[in-house]
Amino acid sequence: MSGRTQARACPERTCVGCRERAAKSDLLRIVAIKDECVPDPSGTLPGRGAYVHPAVVCLDKAVRRRAFPRALRAPGALDTAGLSKAVAIEAEATP
């Protein structure tokens, strides 16, 4: 044995709200379907994704900074009303 550990690196992504790097598994993937931002917890929806912490604070920062249209390369504004409800529900479920 060479003495090296067999630890695997965990992929990291940047939250578009607070701009902090975190493990991919700790963030919620967001995709654009038509003109709406949709949460993708399984990470299997097609298309470009943006990552945000599943917290209302980070989501509000991302919406205020208009980060979703820029990160998802959308030509216009995106509807985030349904996304806000989904993140609020997920934030309540997580202790």
Protein backbone atom coordinates (compact mmCIF):
# COMPACT_ATOMS: atom_id res chain seq x y z
CA MET A 1 0.00 0.00 0.00
CA SER A 2 1.19 3.46 -0.82
CA GLY A 3 -0.35 5.05 2.28
CA ARG A 4 -2.84 7.10 0.29
CA THR A 5 -6.44 7.16 1.36
CA GLN A 6 -9.17 6.17 -1.02
CA ALA A 7 -11.38 9.16 -0.19
CA ARG A 8 -13.40 10.39 -3.15
CA ALA A 9 -13.78 14.05 -3.85
CA CYS A 10 -17.30 15.42 -3.46
CA PRO A 11 -18.45 17.64 -6.35
CA GLU A 12 -18.99 21.26 -5.37
CA ARG A 13 -21.29 23.89 -6.83
CA THR A 14 -21.80 27.60 -6.13
CA CYS A 15 -25.09 28.88 -4.74
CA VAL A 16 -26.40 31.63 -7.04
CA GLY A 17 -27.93 33.38 -4.01
CA CYS A 18 -25.14 33.73 -1.48
CA ARG A 19 -22.28 32.83 -3.89
CA GLU A 20 -20.81 30.30 -1.41
CA ARG A 21 -19.43 26.97 -2.57
CA ALA A 22 -21.04 23.87 -1.08
CA ALA A 23 -21.34 20.18 -1.77
CA LYS A 24 -23.65 19.43 -4.67
CA SER A 25 -25.79 17.24 -2.41
CA ASP A 26 -26.44 20.19 -0.05
CA LEU A 27 -27.84 22.42 -2.81
CA LEU A 28 -31.09 22.38 -4.76
CA ARG A 29 -30.84 22.28 -8.56
CA ILE A 30 -33.10 24.69 -10.45
CA VAL A 31 -33.94 24.39 -14.16
CA ALA A 32 -35.96 26.59 -16.50
CA ILE A 33 -38.99 25.02 -18.15
CA LYS A 34 -40.54 27.51 -20.56
CA ASP A 35 -40.63 30.76 -18.55
CA GLU A 36 -40.66 29.24 -15.07
CA CYS A 37 -37.99 28.14 -12.60
CA VAL A 38 -38.65 24.59 -11.42
CA PRO A 39 -36.89 22.72 -8.59
CA ASP A 40 -35.10 19.53 -9.65
CA PRO A 41 -34.30 17.63 -6.43
CA SER A 42 -33.36 14.43 -8.29
CA GLY A 43 -31.06 16.29 -10.69
CA THR A 44 -32.41 14.49 -13.76
CA LEU A 45 -34.34 17.16 -15.65
CA PRO A 46 -32.73 18.14 -18.96
CA GLY A 47 -31.11 21.48 -19.57
CA ARG A 48 -28.83 23.88 -17.81
CA GLY A 49 -29.12 23.99 -14.05
CA ALA A 50 -28.46 26.56 -11.36
CA TYR A 51 -27.87 25.67 -7.73
CA VAL A 52 -29.19 27.38 -4.62
CA HIS A 53 -29.27 26.52 -0.93
CA PRO A 54 -32.75 25.26 0.02
CA ALA A 55 -33.26 28.33 2.23
CA VAL A 56 -35.58 31.25 1.71
CA VAL A 57 -32.75 33.73 2.36
CA CYS A 58 -30.58 32.43 -0.49
CA LEU A 59 -33.56 32.23 -2.83
CA ASP A 60 -34.54 35.83 -2.08
CA LYS A 61 -30.97 37.00 -2.75
CA ALA A 62 -30.91 35.14 -6.08
CA VAL A 63 -34.25 36.64 -7.16
CA ARG A 64 -33.21 40.14 -6.09
CA ARG A 65 -29.92 39.88 -7.99
CA ARG A 66 -31.70 38.41 -11.06
CA ALA A 67 -29.31 35.46 -10.91
CA PHE A 68 -31.61 32.78 -12.36
CA PRO A 69 -32.04 34.23 -15.88
CA ARG A 70 -28.31 34.85 -16.05
CA ALA A 71 -27.25 31.43 -14.72
CA LEU A 72 -29.80 29.55 -16.84
CA ARG A 73 -29.07 31.74 -19.88
CA ALA A 74 -32.74 32.59 -20.31
CA PRO A 75 -33.60 35.40 -22.75
CA GLY A 76 -36.11 37.08 -20.41
CA ALA A 77 -37.41 37.14 -16.86
CA LEU A 78 -38.37 33.85 -15.21
CA ASP A 79 -41.31 33.19 -12.90
CA THR A 80 -40.10 32.15 -9.44
CA ALA A 81 -43.41 32.10 -7.52
CA GLY A 82 -43.73 28.30 -7.57
CA LEU A 83 -40.06 27.95 -6.68
CA SER A 84 -40.52 30.15 -3.61
CA LYS A 85 -43.33 27.92 -2.35
CA ALA A 86 -41.31 24.75 -2.93
CA VAL A 87 -38.25 26.11 -1.10
CA ALA A 88 -40.39 27.33 1.81
CA ILE A 89 -41.95 23.87 2.16
CA GLU A 90 -38.56 22.15 1.96
CA ALA A 91 -37.05 24.57 4.49
CA GLU A 92 -39.83 23.75 6.96
CA ALA A 93 -39.34 20.00 6.47
CA THR A 94 -35.59 20.20 7.13
CA PRO A 95 -34.83 20.58 10.87
